[in-house]
Amino acid sequence: MMKYTFEIDLDRYKNLAQQKQKTHKKFLAGLAKKPPKQLDKIVKEVHEEVFLEIDCTKCANCCKTLGPLWTEADIERVAKHLKMKVSDFEATYLRTDEDGDKVFQTMPCPFLGSDNLCSIYEVRPKACREFPHTDRKKIYQINNLTIKNTLYCPAAYEFVEKLSYRLK
């Protein structure tokens, strides 16, 4: 199948996501109450379909605005990759937020290039690898996160739209 590469209109997607918040919440709540048979299989198929249509490097909004939570394993792996001491890596890039989580000091991500490519892609944090979390089993367990992600991620929005259409 051909991968489409077009510019992504983030404002349009955010407006659509805002307009559909109630509808999407209701749909996802329904999945949580009574998950359809084969839901995990359908979720995987819809996820794959969405990512054939959407090229993250045409957007990178997650890297520009959201920033991952950093685990100790992430910090150690990336610091080693950058040939930095863990303490120096943390002092240079991270801060502890109000919830006690390690996050970037500033956004956009300091590892995001002007071409929307990640300079540490092969060792990127787990949260980055898994975003937008649309390929998870039991997707209904993260309904609030999925709804939030539709506001930032065109792929997450398209995923919920396609999944709701598929499960009509």
Protein backbone atom coordinates (compact mmCIF):
# COMPACT_ATOMS: atom_id res chain seq x y z
CA MET A 1 0.00 0.00 0.00
CA MET A 2 1.23 3.51 -0.78
CA LYS A 3 2.14 5.84 2.06
CA TYR A 4 0.69 9.32 1.62
CA THR A 5 2.93 12.25 2.41
CA PHE A 6 1.14 15.53 2.76
CA GLU A 7 1.33 18.45 5.14
CA ILE A 8 -0.79 17.99 8.23
CA ASP A 9 -3.12 20.82 9.21
CA LEU A 10 -2.81 20.69 13.01
CA ASP A 11 -5.34 23.46 13.62
CA ARG A 12 -7.93 21.60 11.56
CA TYR A 13 -7.32 18.36 13.47
CA LYS A 14 -7.43 20.09 16.85
CA ASN A 15 -10.74 21.78 15.95
CA LEU A 16 -12.19 18.48 14.75
CA ALA A 17 -11.00 16.74 17.92
CA GLN A 18 -12.53 19.46 20.13
CA GLN A 19 -15.85 19.20 18.27
CA LYS A 20 -15.87 15.40 18.64
CA GLN A 21 -14.77 15.19 22.30
CA LYS A 22 -18.22 14.22 23.63
CA THR A 23 -18.87 11.77 20.80
CA HIS A 24 -15.45 10.17 21.19
CA LYS A 25 -15.81 9.95 24.99
CA LYS A 26 -19.20 8.28 24.64
CA PHE A 27 -17.88 5.82 22.04
CA LEU A 28 -14.82 4.87 24.13
CA ALA A 29 -16.92 4.60 27.31
CA GLY A 30 -19.13 2.13 25.43
CA LEU A 31 -16.06 0.04 24.60
CA ALA A 32 -15.13 -0.03 28.28
CA LYS A 33 -18.64 -1.15 29.31
CA LYS A 34 -18.91 -3.89 26.71
CA PRO A 35 -15.74 -4.56 24.74
CA PRO A 36 -16.61 -6.12 21.37
CA LYS A 37 -15.27 -9.53 20.44
CA GLN A 38 -11.96 -9.30 18.62
CA LEU A 39 -11.42 -5.71 19.86
CA ASP A 40 -7.64 -6.10 20.20
CA LYS A 41 -7.39 -7.49 16.65
CA ILE A 42 -9.54 -4.66 15.23
CA VAL A 43 -7.54 -2.04 17.18
CA LYS A 44 -4.31 -3.40 15.70
CA GLU A 45 -5.75 -3.32 12.16
CA VAL A 46 -7.08 0.24 12.55
CA HIS A 47 -3.78 1.41 14.08
CA GLU A 48 -1.84 -0.02 11.12
CA GLU A 49 -4.28 1.53 8.62
CA VAL A 50 -3.95 4.97 10.23
CA PHE A 51 -0.16 4.86 10.14
CA LEU A 52 -0.18 3.97 6.45
CA GLU A 53 -2.03 7.26 5.90
CA ILE A 54 -0.29 9.52 8.42
CA ASP A 55 3.43 10.21 8.36
CA CYS A 56 4.50 11.39 11.81
CA THR A 57 7.47 13.27 10.36
CA LYS A 58 5.02 15.64 8.63
CA CYS A 59 3.71 16.62 12.06
CA ALA A 60 5.87 15.85 15.13
CA ASN A 61 3.40 17.81 17.26
CA CYS A 62 3.93 15.37 20.12
CA CYS A 63 7.66 16.17 20.07
CA LYS A 64 6.96 19.89 19.87
CA THR A 65 4.34 20.15 22.62
CA LEU A 66 3.86 17.08 24.84
CA GLY A 67 7.20 15.73 26.00
CA PRO A 68 7.55 12.25 27.50
CA LEU A 69 7.81 11.11 31.09
CA TRP A 70 11.34 9.81 31.54
CA THR A 71 11.94 6.52 33.36
CA GLU A 72 15.26 5.78 35.03
CA ALA A 73 15.92 3.19 32.29
CA ASP A 74 15.24 5.84 29.60
CA ILE A 75 17.59 8.30 31.26
CA GLU A 76 20.39 5.74 31.62
CA ARG A 77 19.99 4.49 28.03
CA VAL A 78 19.94 7.95 26.42
CA ALA A 79 22.75 9.31 28.62
CA LYS A 80 24.93 6.32 27.66
CA HIS A 81 24.07 6.86 23.97
CA LEU A 82 25.08 10.52 24.27
CA LYS A 83 28.21 9.54 26.25
CA MET A 84 27.07 11.65 29.21
CA LYS A 85 26.93 10.96 32.93
CA VAL A 86 23.35 10.43 34.09
CA SER A 87 23.64 13.41 36.43
CA ASP A 88 24.87 15.65 33.60
CA PHE A 89 22.09 14.44 31.28
CA GLU A 90 19.45 15.20 33.91
CA ALA A 91 20.95 18.61 34.72
CA THR A 92 21.11 19.53 31.02
CA TYR A 93 17.72 18.29 29.82
CA LEU A 94 15.34 17.34 32.61
CA ARG A 95 13.41 18.75 35.54
CA THR A 96 11.09 17.18 38.09
CA ASP A 97 7.48 18.32 37.63
CA GLU A 98 4.78 18.89 40.25
CA ASP A 99 3.87 15.17 40.17
CA GLY A 100 7.46 14.12 40.82
CA ASP A 101 7.94 12.94 37.24
CA LYS A 102 11.07 13.65 35.21
CA VAL A 103 10.22 15.72 32.12
CA PHE A 104 12.02 18.03 29.71
CA GLN A 105 13.05 21.43 31.04
CA THR A 106 11.71 23.06 27.88
CA MET A 107 9.79 22.11 24.76
CA PRO A 108 10.06 21.33 21.92
CA CYS A 109 12.12 18.22 22.47
CA PRO A 110 15.83 19.13 22.26
CA PHE A 111 16.42 15.98 20.17
CA LEU A 112 13.92 16.97 17.46
CA GLY A 113 15.59 18.18 14.28
CA SER A 114 14.28 20.86 11.92
CA ASP A 115 13.34 17.97 9.59
CA ASN A 116 11.01 16.59 12.33
CA LEU A 117 13.33 13.61 12.82
CA CYS A 118 14.55 12.43 16.22
CA SER A 119 18.31 12.43 16.72
CA ILE A 120 18.02 9.70 19.41
CA TYR A 121 15.28 7.67 17.67
CA GLU A 122 16.91 4.27 18.21
CA VAL A 123 17.19 4.88 21.99
CA ARG A 124 14.20 7.22 22.51
CA PRO A 125 12.14 7.01 25.72
CA LYS A 126 9.49 4.33 26.12
CA ALA A 127 6.74 6.98 26.17
CA CYS A 128 7.90 8.20 22.73
CA ARG A 129 8.08 4.66 21.33
CA GLU A 130 4.52 3.92 22.46
CA PHE A 131 2.86 7.24 21.57
CA PRO A 132 -0.04 7.70 20.71
CA HIS A 133 -0.79 4.36 22.40
CA THR A 134 -3.30 3.33 19.71
CA ASP A 135 -1.89 -0.19 19.33
CA ARG A 136 -2.48 -1.29 22.91
CA LYS A 137 -4.47 -4.30 23.96
CA LYS A 138 -7.57 -3.40 26.00
CA ILE A 139 -7.54 0.13 24.54
CA TYR A 140 -10.56 1.03 26.70
CA GLN A 141 -8.28 1.04 29.76
CA ILE A 142 -6.70 4.30 28.56
CA ASN A 143 -9.80 6.17 27.37
CA ASN A 144 -8.85 9.48 29.04
CA LEU A 145 -5.37 9.38 27.53
CA THR A 146 -6.75 8.51 24.09
CA ILE A 147 -9.19 11.44 24.20
CA LYS A 148 -6.41 13.81 25.32
CA ASN A 149 -4.12 12.56 22.56
CA THR A 150 -6.73 13.30 19.86
CA LEU A 151 -6.22 17.01 20.63
CA TYR A 152 -2.49 16.82 19.83
CA CYS A 153 -2.10 13.91 17.45
CA PRO A 154 -3.85 13.64 14.08
CA ALA A 155 -3.19 9.89 14.08
CA ALA A 156 -4.95 9.47 17.44
CA TYR A 157 -7.94 11.44 16.11
CA GLU A 158 -8.08 9.36 12.92
CA PHE A 159 -7.72 6.19 14.98
CA VAL A 160 -10.79 6.97 17.11
CA GLU A 161 -12.76 8.04 14.03
CA LYS A 162 -11.89 4.87 12.07
CA LEU A 163 -12.39 2.60 15.07
CA SER A 164 -15.84 4.05 15.77
CA TYR A 165 -16.78 3.68 12.09
CA ARG A 166 -15.49 0.10 12.04
CA LEU A 167 -17.44 -0.87 15.16
CA LYS A 168 -20.78 0.70 14.17
